[in-house]
C-alpha atoms as a PDB file:
ATOM      1  CA  LEU A   1       0.000   0.000   0.000  1.00  0.00           C
ATOM      2  CA  VAL A   2       1.358   3.417  -0.949  1.00  0.00           C
ATOM      3  CA  ASN A   3       0.694   6.444   1.239  1.00  0.00           C
ATOM      4  CA  LEU A   4      -0.298   9.152  -1.260  1.00  0.00           C
ATOM      5  CA  PRO A   5      -0.588  12.840  -0.350  1.00  0.00           C
ATOM      6  CA  SER A   6      -3.940  14.580  -0.519  1.00  0.00           C
ATOM      7  CA  ARG A   7      -5.341  18.023   0.083  1.00  0.00           C
ATOM      8  CA  VAL A   8      -8.649  18.651   1.814  1.00  0.00           C
ATOM      9  CA  ILE A   9     -10.861  21.138   0.039  1.00  0.00           C
ATOM     10  CA  ASP A  10     -12.639  23.429   2.448  1.00  0.00           C
ATOM     11  CA  PRO A  11     -15.955  25.041   1.439  1.00  0.00           C
ATOM     12  CA  GLY A  12     -14.210  28.323   0.565  1.00  0.00           C
ATOM     13  CA  ASN A  13     -11.609  26.693  -1.685  1.00  0.00           C
ATOM     14  CA  THR A  14     -12.450  26.862  -5.380  1.00  0.00           C
ATOM     15  CA  ARG A  15      -9.798  24.379  -6.618  1.00  0.00           C
ATOM     16  CA  PRO A  16     -11.684  21.615  -8.454  1.00  0.00           C
ATOM     17  CA  LEU A  17     -11.175  17.928  -7.885  1.00  0.00           C
ATOM     18  CA  PRO A  18      -9.033  16.266 -10.588  1.00  0.00           C
ATOM     19  CA  PHE A  19     -12.120  15.072 -12.461  1.00  0.00           C
ATOM     20  CA  SER A  20     -13.273  18.478 -13.639  1.00  0.00           C
ATOM     21  CA  ALA A  21     -14.594  18.745 -17.183  1.00  0.00           C
ATOM     22  CA  GLU A  22     -11.372  20.402 -18.334  1.00  0.00           C
ATOM     23  CA  THR A  23      -9.130  17.749 -16.770  1.00  0.00           C
ATOM     24  CA  LEU A  24     -11.163  14.863 -18.170  1.00  0.00           C
ATOM     25  CA  ALA A  25     -11.122  16.437 -21.639  1.00  0.00           C
ATOM     26  CA  MET A  26      -7.320  16.709 -21.437  1.00  0.00           C
ATOM     27  CA  LYS A  27      -7.100  13.048 -20.307  1.00  0.00           C
ATOM     28  CA  LYS A  28      -9.215  11.990 -23.288  1.00  0.00           C
ATOM     29  CA  ASP A  29      -6.841  13.763 -25.667  1.00  0.00           C
ATOM     30  CA  ALA A  30      -3.818  12.208 -23.940  1.00  0.00           C
ATOM     31  CA  LEU A  31      -4.993   8.578 -24.044  1.00  0.00           C
ATOM     32  CA  PRO A  32      -3.811   7.656 -27.555  1.00  0.00           C
ATOM     33  CA  ARG A  33      -0.304   8.985 -26.825  1.00  0.00           C
ATOM     34  CA  THR A  34       0.065   7.137 -23.518  1.00  0.00           C
ATOM     35  CA  ARG A  35       1.804   3.769 -23.579  1.00  0.00           C
ATOM     36  CA  GLY A  36       2.792   1.534 -20.673  1.00  0.00           C
ATOM     37  CA  ILE A  37       4.113   2.664 -17.323  1.00  0.00           C
ATOM     38  CA  SER A  38       5.841   5.976 -16.809  1.00  0.00           C
ATOM     39  CA  LEU A  39       9.277   5.529 -15.191  1.00  0.00           C
ATOM     40  CA  PRO A  40      11.086   8.265 -13.266  1.00  0.00           C
ATOM     41  CA  GLY A  41      13.272  10.433 -15.465  1.00  0.00           C
ATOM     42  CA  PRO A  42      16.533  12.181 -14.627  1.00  0.00           C
ATOM     43  CA  GLY A  43      14.650  15.166 -13.165  1.00  0.00           C
ATOM     44  CA  HIS A  44      13.192  13.136 -10.281  1.00  0.00           C
ATOM     45  CA  ARG A  45      15.005  13.339  -6.969  1.00  0.00           C
ATOM     46  CA  HIS A  46      16.531  10.111  -5.711  1.00  0.00           C
ATOM     47  CA  GLY A  47      14.862   8.126  -8.501  1.00  0.00           C
ATOM     48  CA  ARG A  48      11.393   8.668  -7.003  1.00  0.00           C
ATOM     49  CA  PRO A  49       8.527   9.915  -9.130  1.00  0.00           C
ATOM     50  CA  PRO A  50       6.896  13.176  -8.078  1.00  0.00           C
ATOM     51  CA  PRO A  51       3.862  12.981  -5.760  1.00  0.00           C
ATOM     52  CA  VAL A  52       0.581  11.994  -7.394  1.00  0.00           C
ATOM     53  CA  PRO A  53      -1.687  15.064  -7.730  1.00  0.00           C
ATOM     54  CA  SER A  54      -4.780  14.562  -5.608  1.00  0.00           C
ATOM     55  CA  SER A  55      -7.714  16.340  -4.038  1.00  0.00           C
ATOM     56  CA  SER A  56     -10.125  15.431  -1.284  1.00  0.00           C
ATOM     57  CA  LEU A  57     -13.467  16.608  -0.047  1.00  0.00           C
ATOM     58  CA  VAL A  58     -14.633  15.703   3.446  1.00  0.00           C
ATOM     59  CA  THR A  59     -17.930  17.233   4.515  1.00  0.00           C
ATOM     60  CA  THR A  60     -17.566  16.924   8.286  1.00  0.00           C
ATOM     61  CA  GLY A  61     -17.824  20.247  10.096  1.00  0.00           C
ATOM     62  CA  MET A  62     -20.325  21.724   7.611  1.00  0.00           C
ATOM     63  CA  SER A  63     -24.093  22.125   7.895  1.00  0.00           C
ATOM     64  CA  GLY A  64     -26.318  19.662   6.000  1.00  0.00           C
ATOM     65  CA  SER A  65     -26.994  21.994   3.078  1.00  0.00           C
ATOM     66  CA  GLU A  66     -23.307  23.048   2.924  1.00  0.00           C
ATOM     67  CA  ARG A  67     -22.277  19.366   2.871  1.00  0.00           C
ATOM     68  CA  PHE A  68     -24.628  18.567   0.010  1.00  0.00           C
ATOM     69  CA  ASP A  69     -23.720  21.713  -1.961  1.00  0.00           C
ATOM     70  CA  ALA A  70     -19.983  20.946  -1.621  1.00  0.00           C
ATOM     71  CA  TRP A  71     -20.556  17.358  -2.770  1.00  0.00           C
ATOM     72  CA  ARG A  72     -22.759  18.477  -5.673  1.00  0.00           C
ATOM     73  CA  ALA A  73     -20.075  20.930  -6.853  1.00  0.00           C
ATOM     74  CA  SER A  74     -17.359  18.257  -6.621  1.00  0.00           C
ATOM     75  CA  VAL A  75     -19.203  15.863  -8.961  1.00  0.00           C
ATOM     76  CA  ALA A  76     -20.859  18.433 -11.257  1.00  0.00           C
ATOM     77  CA  ALA A  77     -18.640  17.661 -14.273  1.00  0.00           C
ATOM     78  CA  ILE A  78     -19.802  14.038 -14.224  1.00  0.00           C
ATOM     79  CA  PHE A  79     -23.455  14.229 -13.183  1.00  0.00           C
ATOM     80  CA  SER A  80     -26.023  16.243 -11.323  1.00  0.00           C
ATOM     81  CA  CYS A  81     -27.194  14.861  -8.018  1.00  0.00           C
ATOM     82  CA  GLU A  82     -30.158  15.407  -5.735  1.00  0.00           C
ATOM     83  CA  PRO A  83     -31.112  14.032  -2.347  1.00  0.00           C
ATOM     84  CA  ARG A  84     -33.699  11.280  -2.597  1.00  0.00           C
ATOM     85  CA  ALA A  85     -35.962  13.397  -0.360  1.00  0.00           C
ATOM     86  CA  PRO A  86     -35.493  17.010   0.841  1.00  0.00           C
ATOM     87  CA  GLU A  87     -35.476  15.964   4.509  1.00  0.00           C
ATOM     88  CA  GLU A  88     -32.351  13.847   3.890  1.00  0.00           C
ATOM     89  CA  ILE A  89     -30.131  16.933   3.377  1.00  0.00           C
ATOM     90  CA  ASP A  90     -29.683  17.518   7.125  1.00  0.00           C
ATOM     91  CA  GLY A  91     -28.091  14.098   7.618  1.00  0.00           C
ATOM     92  CA  PHE A  92     -26.093  14.101   4.394  1.00  0.00           C
ATOM     93  CA  VAL A  93     -22.384  13.191   4.608  1.00  0.00           C
ATOM     94  CA  ALA A  94     -19.797  12.610   1.896  1.00  0.00           C
ATOM     95  CA  ARG A  95     -16.119  12.170   1.254  1.00  0.00           C
ATOM     96  CA  VAL A  96     -14.159  11.724  -1.940  1.00  0.00           C
ATOM     97  CA  THR A  97     -10.471  11.472  -2.686  1.00  0.00           C
ATOM     98  CA  ALA A  98      -9.339  11.655  -6.292  1.00  0.00           C
ATOM     99  CA  PHE A  99      -5.918  10.945  -7.820  1.00  0.00           C
ATOM    100  CA  ASP A 100      -4.697  12.118 -11.218  1.00  0.00           C
ATOM    101  CA  LEU A 101      -2.655   9.171 -12.512  1.00  0.00           C
ATOM    102  CA  GLY A 102      -1.804  10.752 -15.850  1.00  0.00           C
ATOM    103  CA  SER A 103      -3.925   9.045 -18.473  1.00  0.00           C
ATOM    104  CA  VAL A 104      -6.560   7.870 -15.970  1.00  0.00           C
ATOM    105  CA  LEU A 105      -8.253   9.293 -12.907  1.00  0.00           C
ATOM    106  CA  PHE A 106      -9.029   7.288  -9.779  1.00  0.00           C
ATOM    107  CA  ALA A 107     -11.525   8.332  -7.108  1.00  0.00           C
ATOM    108  CA  GLU A 108     -12.768   6.675  -3.948  1.00  0.00           C
ATOM    109  CA  SER A 109     -16.030   8.049  -2.633  1.00  0.00           C
ATOM    110  CA  ALA A 110     -18.586   7.424   0.073  1.00  0.00           C
ATOM    111  CA  ALA A 111     -21.785   9.356   0.616  1.00  0.00           C
ATOM    112  CA  SER A 112     -25.362   9.235   1.799  1.00  0.00           C
ATOM    113  CA  GLY A 113     -28.102   8.000  -0.523  1.00  0.00           C
ATOM    114  CA  GLN A 114     -29.046  10.248  -3.452  1.00  0.00           C
ATOM    115  CA  ARG A 115     -30.069  10.351  -7.103  1.00  0.00           C
ATOM    116  CA  PHE A 116     -27.592  10.886  -9.969  1.00  0.00           C
ATOM    117  CA  VAL A 117     -28.442  12.101 -13.482  1.00  0.00           C
ATOM    118  CA  ARG A 118     -26.218  12.460 -16.523  1.00  0.00           C
ATOM    119  CA  SER A 119     -28.402  14.263 -19.038  1.00  0.00           C
ATOM    120  CA  GLU A 120     -27.935  14.875 -22.762  1.00  0.00           C
ATOM    121  CA  ARG A 121     -27.496  18.560 -21.920  1.00  0.00           C
ATOM    122  CA  LEU A 122     -24.679  17.841 -19.439  1.00  0.00           C
ATOM    123  CA  ILE A 123     -23.025  15.476 -21.927  1.00  0.00           C
ATOM    124  CA  ARG A 124     -22.991  18.232 -24.573  1.00  0.00           C
ATOM    125  CA  SER A 125     -21.810  20.927 -22.148  1.00  0.00           C
ATOM    126  CA  THR A 126     -18.860  18.952 -20.707  1.00  0.00           C
ATOM    127  CA  ASP A 127     -17.736  17.011 -23.782  1.00  0.00           C
ATOM    128  CA  ILE A 128     -16.731  14.136 -21.465  1.00  0.00           C
ATOM    129  CA  ASP A 129     -17.144  10.714 -23.041  1.00  0.00           C
ATOM    130  CA  HIS A 130     -15.022   8.518 -20.779  1.00  0.00           C
ATOM    131  CA  LEU A 131     -15.848   5.147 -19.325  1.00  0.00           C
ATOM    132  CA  MET A 132     -16.460   5.237 -15.582  1.00  0.00           C
ATOM    133  CA  ILE A 133     -15.656   1.860 -14.030  1.00  0.00           C
ATOM    134  CA  GLN A 134     -17.057   1.532 -10.513  1.00  0.00           C
ATOM    135  CA  TRP A 135     -16.626  -1.118  -7.847  1.00  0.00           C
ATOM    136  CA  TYR A 136     -19.251  -0.830  -5.123  1.00  0.00           C
ATOM    137  CA  ARG A 137     -17.787  -1.848  -1.778  1.00  0.00           C
ATOM    138  CA  ARG A 138     -21.037  -0.897   0.027  1.00  0.00           C
ATOM    139  CA  GLY A 139     -24.407   0.056  -1.310  1.00  0.00           C
ATOM    140  CA  GLY A 140     -25.299   0.053  -4.951  1.00  0.00           C
ATOM    141  CA  TYR A 141     -27.862   1.584  -7.262  1.00  0.00           C
ATOM    142  CA  ARG A 142     -30.807   1.011  -9.546  1.00  0.00           C
ATOM    143  CA  GLY A 143     -31.518   3.003 -12.642  1.00  0.00           C
ATOM    144  CA  MET A 144     -31.319   3.408 -16.388  1.00  0.00           C
ATOM    145  CA  HIS A 145     -28.173   3.703 -18.508  1.00  0.00           C
ATOM    146  CA  ALA A 146     -28.452   4.264 -22.262  1.00  0.00           C
ATOM    147  CA  GLY A 147     -32.053   3.000 -22.132  1.00  0.00           C
ATOM    148  CA  ASP A 148     -31.270  -0.210 -20.227  1.00  0.00           C
ATOM    149  CA  ASP A 149     -32.337  -1.098 -16.673  1.00  0.00           C
ATOM    150  CA  VAL A 150     -29.320  -1.433 -14.382  1.00  0.00           C
ATOM    151  CA  THR A 151     -29.022  -2.837 -10.851  1.00  0.00           C
ATOM    152  CA  VAL A 152     -25.703  -2.770  -9.006  1.00  0.00           C
ATOM    153  CA  SER A 153     -25.194  -4.436  -5.596  1.00  0.00           C
ATOM    154  CA  PRO A 154     -22.301  -4.495  -3.115  1.00  0.00           C
ATOM    155  CA  GLY A 155     -19.305  -6.230  -4.690  1.00  0.00           C
ATOM    156  CA  ASP A 156     -20.463  -5.507  -8.244  1.00  0.00           C
ATOM    157  CA  VAL A 157     -18.415  -3.721 -10.874  1.00  0.00           C
ATOM    158  CA  SER A 158     -20.297  -1.424 -13.237  1.00  0.00           C
ATOM    159  CA  VAL A 159     -19.168   0.328 -16.384  1.00  0.00           C
ATOM    160  CA  LEU A 160     -20.957   3.532 -17.339  1.00  0.00           C
ATOM    161  CA  ASP A 161     -20.339   5.160 -20.695  1.00  0.00           C
ATOM    162  CA  LEU A 162     -20.292   8.886 -19.920  1.00  0.00           C
ATOM    163  CA  SER A 163     -21.184   9.687 -23.535  1.00  0.00           C
ATOM    164  CA  ARG A 164     -24.641   8.211 -22.808  1.00  0.00           C
ATOM    165  CA  PRO A 165     -27.332   9.546 -20.465  1.00  0.00           C
ATOM    166  CA  PHE A 166     -28.210   7.785 -17.232  1.00  0.00           C
ATOM    167  CA  LYS A 167     -30.343   8.126 -14.110  1.00  0.00           C
ATOM    168  CA  THR A 168     -29.567   6.188 -10.949  1.00  0.00           C
ATOM    169  CA  ARG A 169     -30.765   6.085  -7.365  1.00  0.00           C
ATOM    170  CA  ILE A 170     -28.549   4.812  -4.576  1.00  0.00           C
ATOM    171  CA  ALA A 171     -30.021   1.699  -2.972  1.00  0.00           C
ATOM    172  CA  GLY A 172     -29.849   1.962   0.809  1.00  0.00           C
ATOM    173  CA  ASP A 173     -28.744   4.769   3.087  1.00  0.00           C
ATOM    174  CA  HIS A 174     -25.196   5.188   1.763  1.00  0.00           C
ATOM    175  CA  PHE A 175     -22.580   3.889  -0.654  1.00  0.00           C
ATOM    176  CA  HIS A 176     -18.818   3.435  -0.818  1.00  0.00           C
ATOM    177  CA  ASN A 177     -17.182   2.895  -4.204  1.00  0.00           C
ATOM    178  CA  CYS A 178     -13.936   3.055  -6.128  1.00  0.00           C
ATOM    179  CA  ASN A 179     -13.998   4.677  -9.577  1.00  0.00           C
ATOM    180  CA  ILE A 180     -11.645   4.693 -12.531  1.00  0.00           C
ATOM    181  CA  PHE A 181     -12.182   7.131 -15.397  1.00  0.00           C
ATOM    182  CA  ILE A 182     -10.585   6.129 -18.718  1.00  0.00           C
END
């Protein structure tokens, strides 16, 4: 296990997580040129690669609406999200840590139950057409992706094509997943 550095984003910080629309668009353009594993070059100190760029959001210490708004902003390039019911905002909690690995992005997230939507309008406005591969450690979801019914349970791996619309609803009170964007 490697201990990777991260930075916590506070509510007043405007630095986006690595999976912003601009970053994902750059990753898409970089994929065909990327081959194999990147080895440290002569510019790296002591033969070690530089730290992996990362960002984190942890919503503890914020009010319910601040927690949800911070979470919503952190995932806005990928999808819009809404609480399943308005009364759930007060108890909402979330955390996400994302790592920019060069040609791919990795994110681990956990949050309270909610609904996610990737609309045609959002697809056109972000120009993101990656694959999002998710492994659900806890929780799961039900919904529609590209016109097909989808059910994901704990332990399942799902692949969502971000060039296609989807609507999902977290099954249960919370989820914990690992995501790779390629």
